Structure formats: C-alpha cells, structure tokens
C-alpha cells in the first residue's frame, strides 16, 4: 500500500483503530441520535474500522424501574403513584 510518510503508521496497519470509547466520543461530539449512532457504528464496523469485538447497540433501559409509577394517556405522561 502506498502511503504518505505522514500517515505511514496508520496506512501500514490492517488493524482497526477505533474502539467503543472512540465511537462513543464521536457520537457525543456530533450529537447523534441513538438511531444515527447505531448506523454510524454499523457502517464503521462494516468498513473494518472498529475492532471486531466492538458491539454496536445503544439500547437503554433506565426507564424500567419507573414504568410502573408513570402512565401515558392521550399523549400526557403523569405520575400515578403519588
């Protein structure tokens, strides 16, 4: 592979250079939605730019412990356990 001397270290390696932490930083810096972040991660993994063991999913379940005390009716969310 021909490379400019400036990028010789990057070009000579076939190893992916981005980790999950790098992906998280990019997503945060670009203020991407969860769906956009998953798409970016999937594309980077498809182009072999992420380590193979990097999981690309952004599912969050923080709401699970509160779902029983809140209700949604007619587009309004309210606490039903006051």
PDB file of N, CA and C in Angstrom:
ATOM      1  N   UNK A   1       0.840  -1.166   0.000  1.00  0.00           N
ATOM      2  CA  UNK A   1       0.000   0.000   0.000  1.00  0.00           C
ATOM      3  C   UNK A   1       0.891   1.237   0.000  1.00  0.00           C
ATOM      4  N   UNK A   2       0.640   2.164  -0.901  1.00  0.00           N
ATOM      5  CA  UNK A   2       1.390   3.412  -0.951  1.00  0.00           C
ATOM      6  C   UNK A   2       0.799   4.394   0.038  1.00  0.00           C
ATOM      7  N   UNK A   3       1.663   5.006   0.836  1.00  0.00           N
ATOM      8  CA  UNK A   3       1.190   5.955   1.839  1.00  0.00           C
ATOM      9  C   UNK A   3       2.114   7.148   1.883  1.00  0.00           C
ATOM     10  N   UNK A   4       1.541   8.266   2.228  1.00  0.00           N
ATOM     11  CA  UNK A   4       2.325   9.453   2.522  1.00  0.00           C
ATOM     12  C   UNK A   4       3.090   9.173   3.818  1.00  0.00           C
ATOM     13  N   UNK A   5       4.297   9.689   3.941  1.00  0.00           N
ATOM     14  CA  UNK A   5       5.112   9.441   5.133  1.00  0.00           C
ATOM     15  C   UNK A   5       4.399   9.917   6.402  1.00  0.00           C
ATOM     16  N   UNK A   6       3.569  10.930   6.287  1.00  0.00           N
ATOM     17  CA  UNK A   6       2.837  11.450   7.442  1.00  0.00           C
ATOM     18  C   UNK A   6       1.906  10.398   8.029  1.00  0.00           C
ATOM     19  N   UNK A   7       1.344   9.561   7.169  1.00  0.00           N
ATOM     20  CA  UNK A   7       0.370   8.569   7.597  1.00  0.00           C
ATOM     21  C   UNK A   7       0.921   7.152   7.546  1.00  0.00           C
ATOM     22  N   UNK A   8       2.218   7.008   7.512  1.00  0.00           N
ATOM     23  CA  UNK A   8       2.825   5.681   7.353  1.00  0.00           C
ATOM     24  C   UNK A   8       2.393   4.716   8.443  1.00  0.00           C
ATOM     25  N   UNK A   9       2.328   5.160   9.676  1.00  0.00           N
ATOM     26  CA  UNK A   9       1.933   4.274  10.770  1.00  0.00           C
ATOM     27  C   UNK A   9       0.505   3.797  10.646  1.00  0.00           C
ATOM     28  N   UNK A  10      -0.360   4.660  10.166  1.00  0.00           N
ATOM     29  CA  UNK A  10      -1.764   4.307  10.025  1.00  0.00           C
ATOM     30  C   UNK A  10      -1.981   3.425   8.810  1.00  0.00           C
ATOM     31  N   UNK A  11      -1.344   3.741   7.706  1.00  0.00           N
ATOM     32  CA  UNK A  11      -1.569   3.026   6.462  1.00  0.00           C
ATOM     33  C   UNK A  11      -0.989   1.616   6.484  1.00  0.00           C
ATOM     34  N   UNK A  12       0.095   1.408   7.200  1.00  0.00           N
ATOM     35  CA  UNK A  12       0.763   0.112   7.152  1.00  0.00           C
ATOM     36  C   UNK A  12       0.049  -0.943   7.985  1.00  0.00           C
ATOM     37  N   UNK A  13      -0.844  -0.540   8.851  1.00  0.00           N
ATOM     38  CA  UNK A  13      -1.522  -1.481   9.718  1.00  0.00           C
ATOM     39  C   UNK A  13      -2.885  -1.852   9.142  1.00  0.00           C
ATOM     40  N   UNK A  14      -3.208  -3.142   9.205  1.00  0.00           N
ATOM     41  CA  UNK A  14      -4.516  -3.608   8.768  1.00  0.00           C
ATOM     42  C   UNK A  14      -5.481  -3.726   9.943  1.00  0.00           C
ATOM     43  N   UNK A  15      -5.011  -3.400  11.141  1.00  0.00           N
ATOM     44  CA  UNK A  15      -5.834  -3.493  12.334  1.00  0.00           C
ATOM     45  C   UNK A  15      -6.798  -2.312  12.425  1.00  0.00           C
ATOM     46  N   UNK A  16      -8.021  -2.555  12.910  1.00  0.00           N
ATOM     47  CA  UNK A  16      -8.938  -1.447  13.149  1.00  0.00           C
ATOM     48  C   UNK A  16      -8.380  -0.524  14.225  1.00  0.00           C
ATOM     49  N   UNK A  17      -8.637   0.738  14.127  1.00  0.00           N
ATOM     50  CA  UNK A  17      -8.054   1.701  15.043  1.00  0.00           C
ATOM     51  C   UNK A  17      -9.057   2.277  16.030  1.00  0.00           C
ATOM     52  N   UNK A  18     -10.341   2.112  15.808  1.00  0.00           N
ATOM     53  CA  UNK A  18     -11.344   2.720  16.675  1.00  0.00           C
ATOM     54  C   UNK A  18     -11.875   1.707  17.684  1.00  0.00           C
ATOM     55  N   UNK A  19     -12.073   2.160  18.904  1.00  0.00           N
ATOM     56  CA  UNK A  19     -12.644   1.324  19.950  1.00  0.00           C
ATOM     57  C   UNK A  19     -14.046   1.823  20.272  1.00  0.00           C
ATOM     58  N   UNK A  20     -14.709   1.146  21.163  1.00  0.00           N
ATOM     59  CA  UNK A  20     -16.056   1.553  21.585  1.00  0.00           C
ATOM     60  C   UNK A  20     -16.001   2.956  22.203  1.00  0.00           C
ATOM     61  N   UNK A  21     -14.960   3.232  22.964  1.00  0.00           N
ATOM     62  CA  UNK A  21     -14.806   4.557  23.565  1.00  0.00           C
ATOM     63  C   UNK A  21     -14.685   5.642  22.510  1.00  0.00           C
ATOM     64  N   UNK A  22     -13.928   5.351  21.445  1.00  0.00           N
ATOM     65  CA  UNK A  22     -13.794   6.309  20.348  1.00  0.00           C
ATOM     66  C   UNK A  22     -15.150   6.554  19.689  1.00  0.00           C
ATOM     67  N   UNK A  23     -15.896   5.473  19.482  1.00  0.00           N
ATOM     68  CA  UNK A  23     -17.215   5.598  18.864  1.00  0.00           C
ATOM     69  C   UNK A  23     -18.137   6.427  19.749  1.00  0.00           C
ATOM     70  N   UNK A  24     -18.107   6.177  21.057  1.00  0.00           N
ATOM     71  CA  UNK A  24     -18.931   6.959  21.984  1.00  0.00           C
ATOM     72  C   UNK A  24     -18.566   8.440  21.933  1.00  0.00           C
ATOM     73  N   UNK A  25     -17.268   8.742  21.853  1.00  0.00           N
ATOM     74  CA  UNK A  25     -16.814  10.132  21.774  1.00  0.00           C
ATOM     75  C   UNK A  25     -17.315  10.804  20.498  1.00  0.00           C
ATOM     76  N   UNK A  26     -17.236  10.097  19.373  1.00  0.00           N
ATOM     77  CA  UNK A  26     -17.694  10.648  18.090  1.00  0.00           C
ATOM     78  C   UNK A  26     -19.195  10.923  18.137  1.00  0.00           C
ATOM     79  N   UNK A  27     -19.946   9.972  18.672  1.00  0.00           N
ATOM     80  CA  UNK A  27     -21.403  10.120  18.768  1.00  0.00           C
ATOM     81  C   UNK A  27     -21.759  11.327  19.626  1.00  0.00           C
ATOM     82  N   UNK A  28     -21.079  11.469  20.761  1.00  0.00           N
ATOM     83  CA  UNK A  28     -21.342  12.604  21.653  1.00  0.00           C
ATOM     84  C   UNK A  28     -20.945  13.930  20.997  1.00  0.00           C
ATOM     85  N   UNK A  29     -19.761  13.964  20.360  1.00  0.00           N
ATOM     86  CA  UNK A  29     -19.282  15.198  19.736  1.00  0.00           C
ATOM     87  C   UNK A  29     -20.186  15.653  18.592  1.00  0.00           C
ATOM     88  N   UNK A  30     -20.738  14.700  17.850  1.00  0.00           N
ATOM     89  CA  UNK A  30     -21.619  15.039  16.730  1.00  0.00           C
ATOM     90  C   UNK A  30     -23.082  15.164  17.140  1.00  0.00           C
ATOM     91  N   UNK A  31     -23.362  14.886  18.424  1.00  0.00           N
ATOM     92  CA  UNK A  31     -24.718  14.977  18.956  1.00  0.00           C
ATOM     93  C   UNK A  31     -25.687  14.129  18.128  1.00  0.00           C
ATOM     94  N   UNK A  32     -25.315  12.882  17.874  1.00  0.00           N
ATOM     95  CA  UNK A  32     -26.126  11.989  17.058  1.00  0.00           C
ATOM     96  C   UNK A  32     -27.233  11.348  17.884  1.00  0.00           C
ATOM     97  N   UNK A  33     -28.354  11.089  17.240  1.00  0.00           N
ATOM     98  CA  UNK A  33     -29.438  10.354  17.894  1.00  0.00           C
ATOM     99  C   UNK A  33     -29.003   8.893  18.034  1.00  0.00           C
ATOM    100  N   UNK A  34     -29.755   8.125  18.813  1.00  0.00           N
ATOM    101  CA  UNK A  34     -29.393   6.715  19.006  1.00  0.00           C
ATOM    102  C   UNK A  34     -29.435   5.960  17.679  1.00  0.00           C
ATOM    103  N   UNK A  35     -30.417   6.267  16.863  1.00  0.00           N
ATOM    104  CA  UNK A  35     -30.540   5.592  15.572  1.00  0.00           C
ATOM    105  C   UNK A  35     -29.360   5.954  14.659  1.00  0.00           C
ATOM    106  N   UNK A  36     -28.979   7.229  14.641  1.00  0.00           N
ATOM    107  CA  UNK A  36     -27.838   7.665  13.831  1.00  0.00           C
ATOM    108  C   UNK A  36     -26.545   7.044  14.356  1.00  0.00           C
ATOM    109  N   UNK A  37     -26.416   6.945  15.670  1.00  0.00           N
ATOM    110  CA  UNK A  37     -25.222   6.355  16.270  1.00  0.00           C
ATOM    111  C   UNK A  37     -25.098   4.881  15.899  1.00  0.00           C
ATOM    112  N   UNK A  38     -26.214   4.162  15.915  1.00  0.00           N
ATOM    113  CA  UNK A  38     -26.184   2.752  15.525  1.00  0.00           C
ATOM    114  C   UNK A  38     -25.797   2.606  14.060  1.00  0.00           C
ATOM    115  N   UNK A  39     -26.327   3.474  13.219  1.00  0.00           N
ATOM    116  CA  UNK A  39     -25.989   3.429  11.795  1.00  0.00           C
ATOM    117  C   UNK A  39     -24.502   3.711  11.582  1.00  0.00           C
ATOM    118  N   UNK A  40     -23.977   4.738  12.253  1.00  0.00           N
ATOM    119  CA  UNK A  40     -22.556   5.052  12.141  1.00  0.00           C
ATOM    120  C   UNK A  40     -21.708   3.877  12.607  1.00  0.00           C
ATOM    121  N   UNK A  41     -22.035   3.317  13.753  1.00  0.00           N
ATOM    122  CA  UNK A  41     -21.286   2.171  14.266  1.00  0.00           C
ATOM    123  C   UNK A  41     -21.334   0.988  13.328  1.00  0.00           C
ATOM    124  N   UNK A  42     -22.490   0.731  12.777  1.00  0.00           N
ATOM    125  CA  UNK A  42     -22.644  -0.375  11.833  1.00  0.00           C
ATOM    126  C   UNK A  42     -21.799  -0.161  10.575  1.00  0.00           C
ATOM    127  N   UNK A  43     -21.828   1.053  10.056  1.00  0.00           N
ATOM    128  CA  UNK A  43     -21.020   1.362   8.864  1.00  0.00           C
ATOM    129  C   UNK A  43     -19.528   1.245   9.157  1.00  0.00           C
ATOM    130  N   UNK A  44     -19.078   1.799  10.286  1.00  0.00           N
ATOM    131  CA  UNK A  44     -17.660   1.726  10.643  1.00  0.00           C
ATOM    132  C   UNK A  44     -17.221   0.278  10.818  1.00  0.00           C
ATOM    133  N   UNK A  45     -18.092  -0.537  11.408  1.00  0.00           N
ATOM    134  CA  UNK A  45     -17.767  -1.954  11.581  1.00  0.00           C
ATOM    135  C   UNK A  45     -17.726  -2.654  10.225  1.00  0.00           C
ATOM    136  N   UNK A  46     -18.648  -2.314   9.342  1.00  0.00           N
ATOM    137  CA  UNK A  46     -18.665  -2.897   8.002  1.00  0.00           C
ATOM    138  C   UNK A  46     -17.432  -2.544   7.185  1.00  0.00           C
ATOM    139  N   UNK A  47     -16.874  -1.377   7.438  1.00  0.00           N
ATOM    140  CA  UNK A  47     -15.662  -0.936   6.738  1.00  0.00           C
ATOM    141  C   UNK A  47     -14.395  -1.381   7.471  1.00  0.00           C
ATOM    142  N   UNK A  48     -14.574  -2.210   8.517  1.00  0.00           N
ATOM    143  CA  UNK A  48     -13.461  -2.754   9.306  1.00  0.00           C
ATOM    144  C   UNK A  48     -12.642  -1.655   9.976  1.00  0.00           C
ATOM    145  N   UNK A  49     -13.321  -0.604  10.428  1.00  0.00           N
ATOM    146  CA  UNK A  49     -12.649   0.476  11.139  1.00  0.00           C
ATOM    147  C   UNK A  49     -12.807   0.349  12.652  1.00  0.00           C
ATOM    148  N   UNK A  50     -13.694  -0.549  13.094  1.00  0.00           N
ATOM    149  CA  UNK A  50     -13.863  -0.840  14.514  1.00  0.00           C
ATOM    150  C   UNK A  50     -13.295  -2.219  14.805  1.00  0.00           C
ATOM    151  N   UNK A  51     -12.835  -2.419  16.029  1.00  0.00           N
ATOM    152  CA  UNK A  51     -12.376  -3.744  16.422  1.00  0.00           C
ATOM    153  C   UNK A  51     -13.528  -4.735  16.267  1.00  0.00           C
ATOM    154  N   UNK A  52     -13.243  -5.958  15.824  1.00  0.00           N
ATOM    155  CA  UNK A  52     -14.298  -6.946  15.584  1.00  0.00           C
ATOM    156  C   UNK A  52     -15.165  -7.241  16.805  1.00  0.00           C
ATOM    157  N   UNK A  53     -14.621  -7.135  18.011  1.00  0.00           N
ATOM    158  CA  UNK A  53     -15.399  -7.446  19.206  1.00  0.00           C
ATOM    159  C   UNK A  53     -16.220  -6.270  19.722  1.00  0.00           C
ATOM    160  N   UNK A  54     -16.221  -5.154  18.987  1.00  0.00           N
ATOM    161  CA  UNK A  54     -16.995  -3.981  19.392  1.00  0.00           C
ATOM    162  C   UNK A  54     -18.467  -4.230  19.114  1.00  0.00           C
ATOM    163  N   UNK A  55     -19.296  -4.109  20.160  1.00  0.00           N
ATOM    164  CA  UNK A  55     -20.737  -4.258  19.994  1.00  0.00           C
ATOM    165  C   UNK A  55     -21.323  -2.911  19.603  1.00  0.00           C
ATOM    166  N   UNK A  56     -22.207  -2.929  18.623  1.00  0.00           N
ATOM    167  CA  UNK A  56     -22.836  -1.697  18.154  1.00  0.00           C
ATOM    168  C   UNK A  56     -24.318  -1.758  18.502  1.00  0.00           C
ATOM    169  N   UNK A  57     -24.649  -1.302  19.704  1.00  0.00           N
ATOM    170  CA  UNK A  57     -26.044  -1.198  20.113  1.00  0.00           C
ATOM    171  C   UNK A  57     -26.130  -0.137  21.200  1.00  0.00           C
ATOM    172  N   UNK A  58     -27.203   0.593  21.200  1.00  0.00           N
ATOM    173  CA  UNK A  58     -27.358   1.693  22.126  1.00  0.00           C
ATOM    174  C   UNK A  58     -28.698   1.612  22.837  1.00  0.00           C
ATOM    175  N   UNK A  59     -29.086   0.414  23.208  1.00  0.00           N
ATOM    176  CA  UNK A  59     -30.366   0.245  23.891  1.00  0.00           C
ATOM    177  C   UNK A  59     -30.209   0.621  25.355  1.00  0.00           C
ATOM    178  N   UNK A  60     -31.107   1.429  25.828  1.00  0.00           N
ATOM    179  CA  UNK A  60     -31.068   1.837  27.228  1.00  0.00           C
ATOM    180  C   UNK A  60     -32.360   1.420  27.907  1.00  0.00           C
ATOM    181  N   UNK A  61     -32.231   1.037  29.129  1.00  0.00           N
ATOM    182  CA  UNK A  61     -33.401   0.586  29.880  1.00  0.00           C
ATOM    183  C   UNK A  61     -33.519   1.305  31.222  1.00  0.00           C
ATOM    184  N   UNK A  62     -33.089   2.556  31.264  1.00  0.00           N
ATOM    185  CA  UNK A  62     -33.150   3.306  32.514  1.00  0.00           C
ATOM    186  C   UNK A  62     -34.576   3.507  33.007  1.00  0.00           C
ATOM    187  N   UNK A  63     -35.514   3.490  32.092  1.00  0.00           N
ATOM    188  CA  UNK A  63     -36.905   3.764  32.434  1.00  0.00           C
ATOM    189  C   UNK A  63     -37.596   2.588  33.115  1.00  0.00           C
ATOM    190  N   UNK A  64     -37.017   1.398  33.027  1.00  0.00           N
ATOM    191  CA  UNK A  64     -37.680   0.190  33.512  1.00  0.00           C
ATOM    192  C   UNK A  64     -38.134   0.298  34.972  1.00  0.00           C
ATOM    193  N   UNK A  65     -37.301   0.838  35.862  1.00  0.00           N
ATOM    194  CA  UNK A  65     -37.669   0.884  37.274  1.00  0.00           C
ATOM    195  C   UNK A  65     -38.780   1.902  37.557  1.00  0.00           C
ATOM    196  N   UNK A  66     -39.033   2.823  36.631  1.00  0.00           N
ATOM    197  CA  UNK A  66     -40.056   3.851  36.841  1.00  0.00           C
ATOM    198  C   UNK A  66     -41.337   3.611  36.049  1.00  0.00           C
ATOM    199  N   UNK A  67     -41.359   2.627  35.170  1.00  0.00           N
ATOM    200  CA  UNK A  67     -42.502   2.471  34.269  1.00  0.00           C
ATOM    201  C   UNK A  67     -43.804   2.155  34.999  1.00  0.00           C
ATOM    202  N   UNK A  68     -43.732   1.563  36.200  1.00  0.00           N
ATOM    203  CA  UNK A  68     -44.957   1.216  36.915  1.00  0.00           C
ATOM    204  C   UNK A  68     -45.585   2.405  37.641  1.00  0.00           C
ATOM    205  N   UNK A  69     -44.819   3.468  37.884  1.00  0.00           N
ATOM    206  CA  UNK A  69     -45.387   4.608  38.615  1.00  0.00           C
ATOM    207  C   UNK A  69     -45.793   5.760  37.694  1.00  0.00           C
ATOM    208  N   UNK A  70     -45.558   5.605  36.378  1.00  0.00           N
ATOM    209  CA  UNK A  70     -45.971   6.622  35.409  1.00  0.00           C
ATOM    210  C   UNK A  70     -46.921   6.012  34.396  1.00  0.00           C
ATOM    211  N   UNK A  71     -47.829   6.828  33.899  1.00  0.00           N
ATOM    212  CA  UNK A  71     -48.792   6.385  32.893  1.00  0.00           C
ATOM    213  C   UNK A  71     -48.811   7.369  31.732  1.00  0.00           C
ATOM    214  N   UNK A  72     -49.220   6.873  30.576  1.00  0.00           N
ATOM    215  CA  UNK A  72     -49.360   7.701  29.388  1.00  0.00           C
ATOM    216  C   UNK A  72     -50.788   7.568  28.886  1.00  0.00           C
ATOM    217  N   UNK A  73     -51.497   8.686  28.868  1.00  0.00           N
ATOM    218  CA  UNK A  73     -52.869   8.694  28.356  1.00  0.00           C
ATOM    219  C   UNK A  73     -53.072   9.931  27.508  1.00  0.00           C
ATOM    220  N   UNK A  74     -53.537   9.757  26.305  1.00  0.00           N
ATOM    221  CA  UNK A  74     -53.818  10.859  25.383  1.00  0.00           C
ATOM    222  C   UNK A  74     -52.611  11.776  25.194  1.00  0.00           C
ATOM    223  N   UNK A  75     -51.429  11.195  25.130  1.00  0.00           N
ATOM    224  CA  UNK A  75     -50.215  11.969  24.895  1.00  0.00           C
ATOM    225  C   UNK A  75     -49.681  12.693  26.117  1.00  0.00           C
ATOM    226  N   UNK A  76     -50.272  12.441  27.289  1.00  0.00           N
ATOM    227  CA  UNK A  76     -49.836  13.082  28.530  1.00  0.00           C
ATOM    228  C   UNK A  76     -49.244  12.016  29.450  1.00  0.00           C
ATOM    229  N   UNK A  77     -48.049  12.272  29.965  1.00  0.00           N
ATOM    230  CA  UNK A  77     -47.413  11.372  30.915  1.00  0.00           C
ATOM    231  C   UNK A  77     -47.604  11.947  32.311  1.00  0.00           C
ATOM    232  N   UNK A  78     -48.024  11.107  33.245  1.00  0.00           N
ATOM    233  CA  UNK A  78     -48.226  11.572  34.613  1.00  0.00           C
ATOM    234  C   UNK A  78     -47.856  10.485  35.609  1.00  0.00           C
ATOM    235  N   UNK A  79     -47.531  10.924  36.798  1.00  0.00           N
ATOM    236  CA  UNK A  79     -47.197  10.013  37.883  1.00  0.00           C
ATOM    237  C   UNK A  79     -48.500   9.505  38.482  1.00  0.00           C
ATOM    238  N   UNK A  80     -48.693   8.204  38.513  1.00  0.00           N
ATOM    239  CA  UNK A  80     -49.930   7.636  39.046  1.00  0.00           C
ATOM    240  C   UNK A  80     -49.736   7.085  40.461  1.00  0.00           C
ATOM    241  N   UNK A  81     -48.563   7.297  41.056  1.00  0.00           N
ATOM    242  CA  UNK A  81     -48.264   6.771  42.386  1.00  0.00           C
ATOM    243  C   UNK A  81     -47.722   7.899  43.266  1.00  0.00           C
ATOM    244  N   UNK A  82     -48.635   8.810  43.632  1.00  0.00           N
ATOM    245  CA  UNK A  82     -48.218   9.986  44.402  1.00  0.00           C
ATOM    246  C   UNK A  82     -48.229   9.677  45.888  1.00  0.00           C
TER     247      UNK A  82
END
